[in-house]
């Protein structure tokens, strides 16, 4: 049975932030998510896109957006001000991994084998696209600056894959969910790369809002709409395009693994 429409009892446009770090401005995905949320919330939705997680965090904190789909790393950086609305479920769990990738013909079998090469990160505030590799290096007494001959930020996981596949960099740090989703829709791209290593399972990038706004009708409606995406036709369509199962309630403890890596890096 379809979930009943949740009326936010306001005509104001709800501003929901996305970062292109996920699937890089895929118009079909964005339109489907916007439509699903608008119908479920009973109001206009503006999906606000920014280039970096830092910009998304700033927009959340200054109130220029009402909610956002962000990463566990920036959520934890601002955990005193932000609260969780839910976490996407991928392959049955609200978890994902960071993948360390290299060119398909590269002989590296682990991180150490990539020493001295060039490397692509996605965003300095990305867990899978920076923190995991940086904290792995910290455990070895290394930093990205010393370990790699050069590193770049691509500000998009697809762009990390493109950099490695095209030979711009030898290796890259990428969201495993995005790499797997791209494998389904762009196999010729991911086929030019290989997964050298995978991290432990970590909390999936969450939906968040400012804690002091959680009781606002529109924010409450947004949370309800996200948690009911799998119960509506438009919501299921958006989830299919995102290669996700549903959105589930979650606790801050889901991100304890990322918090541990922040502590290792000394970046808290």
Protein backbone atom coordinates (compact mmCIF):
# COMPACT_ATOMS: atom_id res chain seq x y z
CA UNK A 1 0.00 0.00 0.00
CA UNK A 2 1.30 3.43 -0.88
CA UNK A 3 2.22 5.65 2.04
CA UNK A 4 -0.15 8.55 2.65
CA UNK A 5 0.99 11.97 1.57
CA UNK A 6 2.75 13.86 4.34
CA UNK A 7 1.66 17.48 4.22
CA UNK A 8 4.28 19.92 5.47
CA UNK A 9 1.54 22.52 5.99
CA UNK A 10 3.54 25.17 4.21
CA UNK A 11 3.82 26.50 0.69
CA UNK A 12 7.45 27.51 1.05
CA UNK A 13 9.88 25.70 -1.22
CA UNK A 14 11.92 23.12 0.69
CA UNK A 15 15.62 23.30 -0.17
CA UNK A 16 17.37 19.93 -0.15
CA UNK A 17 21.11 19.86 -0.81
CA UNK A 18 23.01 17.31 -2.83
CA UNK A 19 26.68 17.15 -3.71
CA UNK A 20 27.88 15.92 -7.13
CA UNK A 21 30.29 13.64 -5.28
CA UNK A 22 27.60 10.96 -5.54
CA UNK A 23 26.55 10.33 -9.13
CA UNK A 24 27.68 13.55 -10.73
CA UNK A 25 24.61 15.51 -11.69
CA UNK A 26 22.70 12.67 -13.33
CA UNK A 27 19.64 14.59 -14.49
CA UNK A 28 17.31 11.58 -14.47
CA UNK A 29 18.26 10.61 -10.93
CA UNK A 30 17.89 14.18 -9.67
CA UNK A 31 14.48 14.63 -11.33
CA UNK A 32 13.20 11.34 -9.91
CA UNK A 33 14.29 12.16 -6.36
CA UNK A 34 12.86 15.67 -6.58
CA UNK A 35 9.51 14.37 -7.83
CA UNK A 36 9.28 11.66 -5.17
CA UNK A 37 9.98 14.08 -2.33
CA UNK A 38 7.65 16.77 -3.69
CA UNK A 39 4.70 14.38 -3.93
CA UNK A 40 5.34 12.82 -0.52
CA UNK A 41 5.83 16.17 1.22
CA UNK A 42 3.06 17.99 -0.61
CA UNK A 43 5.21 21.01 -1.44
CA UNK A 44 7.76 22.25 -3.95
CA UNK A 45 11.27 20.88 -3.59
CA UNK A 46 14.41 22.57 -4.81
CA UNK A 47 17.38 20.26 -5.05
CA UNK A 48 20.41 22.44 -4.39
CA UNK A 49 23.71 21.19 -5.77
CA UNK A 50 27.12 22.25 -4.59
CA UNK A 51 30.59 21.17 -5.67
CA UNK A 52 32.00 20.21 -2.27
CA UNK A 53 30.95 18.78 1.07
CA UNK A 54 32.31 21.91 2.74
CA UNK A 55 29.83 24.02 0.78
CA UNK A 56 26.97 21.65 1.69
CA UNK A 57 27.89 21.77 5.38
CA UNK A 58 28.06 25.55 5.29
CA UNK A 59 24.65 25.81 3.64
CA UNK A 60 23.13 23.51 6.27
CA UNK A 61 24.64 25.42 9.15
CA UNK A 62 23.69 28.88 7.88
CA UNK A 63 20.14 27.76 7.12
CA UNK A 64 20.23 28.37 3.38
CA UNK A 65 19.21 24.72 2.85
CA UNK A 66 16.77 22.75 4.99
CA UNK A 67 18.26 19.26 4.76
CA UNK A 68 20.99 17.45 2.87
CA UNK A 69 22.36 14.14 1.68
CA UNK A 70 25.94 14.28 2.89
CA UNK A 71 28.74 11.96 3.99
CA UNK A 72 29.46 10.42 7.38
CA UNK A 73 32.71 12.39 7.67
CA UNK A 74 31.18 15.92 7.47
CA UNK A 75 28.25 14.73 9.59
CA UNK A 76 30.69 13.80 12.34
CA UNK A 77 32.67 17.00 11.86
CA UNK A 78 29.48 18.92 12.70
CA UNK A 79 27.74 16.35 14.91
CA UNK A 80 27.07 18.97 17.61
CA UNK A 81 24.85 20.88 15.18
CA UNK A 82 23.46 18.15 12.88
CA UNK A 83 21.06 15.23 13.37
CA UNK A 84 20.33 12.16 11.26
CA UNK A 85 17.12 11.86 9.24
CA UNK A 86 17.96 8.39 7.92
CA UNK A 87 20.50 6.30 6.07
CA UNK A 88 20.10 4.69 2.64
CA UNK A 89 20.09 0.90 2.53
CA UNK A 90 22.29 -0.65 -0.17
CA UNK A 91 22.26 -4.41 -0.79
CA UNK A 92 20.28 -4.93 2.39
CA UNK A 93 22.39 -2.87 4.80
CA UNK A 94 22.97 0.84 5.58
CA UNK A 95 26.67 0.24 4.95
CA UNK A 96 29.27 0.72 2.24
CA UNK A 97 33.02 0.46 1.71
CA UNK A 98 35.82 2.59 0.35
CA UNK A 99 37.58 1.05 -2.63
CA UNK A 100 41.22 1.63 -3.50
CA UNK A 101 41.41 1.27 -7.28
CA UNK A 102 44.16 1.18 -9.88
CA UNK A 103 44.41 0.62 -13.61
CA UNK A 104 43.24 -2.82 -14.66
CA UNK A 105 46.75 -3.91 -15.67
CA UNK A 106 48.50 -2.47 -12.61
CA UNK A 107 50.47 -5.04 -10.61
CA UNK A 108 49.69 -3.52 -7.20
CA UNK A 109 47.84 -5.79 -4.78
CA UNK A 110 47.64 -3.47 -1.77
CA UNK A 111 48.12 0.13 -0.71
CA UNK A 112 51.85 -0.27 -0.22
CA UNK A 113 52.20 -1.35 -3.83
CA UNK A 114 50.95 2.06 -4.97
CA UNK A 115 53.68 4.04 -3.20
CA UNK A 116 55.29 6.71 -5.33
CA UNK A 117 52.46 6.83 -7.86
CA UNK A 118 49.86 9.49 -8.58
CA UNK A 119 46.51 9.28 -6.80
CA UNK A 120 42.99 10.69 -7.18
CA UNK A 121 40.84 11.60 -4.18
CA UNK A 122 37.24 12.78 -4.50
CA UNK A 123 36.83 15.41 -1.76
CA UNK A 124 38.88 16.30 1.33
CA UNK A 125 35.74 15.84 3.47
CA UNK A 126 34.79 12.49 1.93
CA UNK A 127 35.08 9.37 4.06
CA UNK A 128 35.49 6.88 1.22
CA UNK A 129 37.15 9.33 -1.13
CA UNK A 130 39.82 10.60 1.27
CA UNK A 131 39.57 9.76 4.99
CA UNK A 132 39.90 5.97 4.64
CA UNK A 133 43.09 6.13 2.59
CA UNK A 134 44.55 9.01 4.62
CA UNK A 135 43.92 7.18 7.90
CA UNK A 136 45.36 3.95 6.48
CA UNK A 137 48.49 5.91 5.61
CA UNK A 138 48.54 7.52 9.08
CA UNK A 139 48.63 4.04 10.59
CA UNK A 140 51.75 3.43 8.52
CA UNK A 141 53.29 6.71 9.66
CA UNK A 142 52.72 8.23 6.23
CA UNK A 143 50.76 11.10 4.72
CA UNK A 144 49.31 11.35 1.21
CA UNK A 145 51.83 14.09 0.43
CA UNK A 146 54.79 11.87 1.28
CA UNK A 147 53.42 8.56 0.07
CA UNK A 148 52.16 9.56 -3.38
CA UNK A 149 54.24 11.47 -5.90
CA UNK A 150 51.20 13.67 -6.55
CA UNK A 151 47.53 13.62 -5.56
CA UNK A 152 44.51 15.47 -6.91
CA UNK A 153 40.92 16.07 -5.84
CA UNK A 154 38.36 15.37 -8.58
CA UNK A 155 35.22 16.39 -6.60
CA UNK A 156 33.24 13.41 -7.87
CA UNK A 157 33.62 9.65 -7.45
CA UNK A 158 32.88 9.04 -11.11
CA UNK A 159 35.69 11.49 -11.83
CA UNK A 160 38.06 9.42 -9.65
CA UNK A 161 37.21 6.36 -11.75
CA UNK A 162 37.69 8.38 -14.94
CA UNK A 163 41.08 9.62 -13.74
CA UNK A 164 42.31 6.10 -13.08
CA UNK A 165 40.69 4.55 -16.14
CA UNK A 166 42.16 7.23 -18.38
CA UNK A 167 45.64 7.03 -16.91
CA UNK A 168 45.60 10.52 -15.42
CA UNK A 169 46.48 8.93 -12.08
CA UNK A 170 47.76 5.50 -11.20
CA UNK A 171 45.28 4.95 -8.39
CA UNK A 172 42.27 6.42 -6.64
CA UNK A 173 40.08 6.36 -3.53
CA UNK A 174 36.43 5.85 -4.42
CA UNK A 175 33.03 5.15 -2.88
CA UNK A 176 32.44 1.41 -3.34
CA UNK A 177 28.71 1.96 -3.82
CA UNK A 178 29.37 4.40 -6.65
CA UNK A 179 31.98 2.10 -8.25
CA UNK A 180 29.52 -0.81 -8.15
CA UNK A 181 26.66 1.34 -9.50
CA UNK A 182 28.90 2.54 -12.32
CA UNK A 183 29.84 -1.07 -13.06
CA UNK A 184 26.17 -1.71 -13.80
CA UNK A 185 25.64 1.34 -16.03
CA UNK A 186 29.13 2.10 -17.39
CA UNK A 187 30.99 -1.24 -17.39
CA UNK A 188 33.42 -0.02 -20.05
CA UNK A 189 34.58 2.65 -17.60
CA UNK A 190 35.02 0.58 -14.46
CA UNK A 191 36.36 -2.29 -16.59
CA UNK A 192 39.51 -0.24 -17.14
CA UNK A 193 40.11 -0.25 -13.38
CA UNK A 194 40.52 -2.91 -10.72
CA UNK A 195 39.83 -2.92 -6.99
CA UNK A 196 43.11 -3.21 -5.12
CA UNK A 197 41.66 -3.09 -1.60
CA UNK A 198 38.39 -2.57 0.25
CA UNK A 199 37.84 -0.96 3.63
CA UNK A 200 35.75 -2.37 6.44
CA UNK A 201 32.00 -1.76 6.21
CA UNK A 202 31.12 1.79 7.29
CA UNK A 203 27.94 3.82 7.78
CA UNK A 204 26.35 4.81 4.47
CA UNK A 205 26.29 8.56 3.65
CA UNK A 206 23.29 9.88 5.61
CA UNK A 207 20.46 12.36 5.22
CA UNK A 208 20.81 15.12 7.81
CA UNK A 209 19.28 18.38 9.04
CA UNK A 210 20.23 20.93 11.64
CA UNK A 211 19.35 19.64 15.10
CA UNK A 212 17.55 22.80 16.15
CA UNK A 213 15.21 22.48 13.16
CA UNK A 214 14.13 18.86 13.63
CA UNK A 215 10.71 19.79 14.97
CA UNK A 216 9.86 22.13 12.10
CA UNK A 217 6.93 20.67 10.12
CA UNK A 218 8.78 20.74 6.80
CA UNK A 219 11.85 18.96 8.19
CA UNK A 220 9.65 16.37 9.89
CA UNK A 221 7.82 15.87 6.59
CA UNK A 222 11.13 15.45 4.77
CA UNK A 223 12.26 12.75 7.20
CA UNK A 224 8.94 10.93 6.82
CA UNK A 225 9.12 11.17 3.03
CA UNK A 226 12.65 9.77 2.92
CA UNK A 227 11.76 6.85 5.19
CA UNK A 228 8.73 6.05 3.00
CA UNK A 229 10.42 6.21 -0.41
CA UNK A 230 10.12 2.45 -0.85
CA UNK A 231 6.35 2.66 -0.24
CA UNK A 232 5.45 4.91 -3.19
CA UNK A 233 5.71 4.41 -6.93
CA UNK A 234 7.77 7.57 -7.45
CA UNK A 235 9.94 6.77 -4.46
CA UNK A 236 10.68 3.25 -5.70
CA UNK A 237 11.56 4.67 -9.11
CA UNK A 238 14.07 7.05 -7.52
CA UNK A 239 15.54 4.26 -5.40
CA UNK A 240 15.96 2.03 -8.46
CA UNK A 241 17.87 4.76 -10.28
CA UNK A 242 20.04 5.22 -7.19
CA UNK A 243 20.61 1.43 -6.87
CA UNK A 244 19.28 1.61 -3.31
CA UNK A 245 16.73 -0.49 -1.40
CA UNK A 246 15.19 2.04 0.98
CA UNK A 247 16.01 4.62 3.63
CA UNK A 248 16.05 3.43 7.22
CA UNK A 249 16.16 5.19 10.61
CA UNK A 250 19.64 5.17 12.10
CA UNK A 251 21.58 6.10 15.20
CA UNK A 252 24.85 8.05 15.48
CA UNK A 253 26.59 4.79 16.44
CA UNK A 254 26.30 3.72 12.80
CA UNK A 255 29.18 6.12 12.15
CA UNK A 256 31.47 4.91 14.95
CA UNK A 257 33.81 3.31 12.42
CA UNK A 258 34.27 6.62 10.64
CA UNK A 259 34.80 8.35 14.00
CA UNK A 260 37.59 5.89 14.72
CA UNK A 261 39.28 6.80 11.44
CA UNK A 262 38.93 10.52 12.17
CA UNK A 263 40.70 9.91 15.48
CA UNK A 264 43.48 7.97 13.72
CA UNK A 265 44.01 10.86 11.34
CA UNK A 266 43.89 13.35 14.19
CA UNK A 267 41.38 15.39 12.19
CA UNK A 268 38.60 15.64 14.75
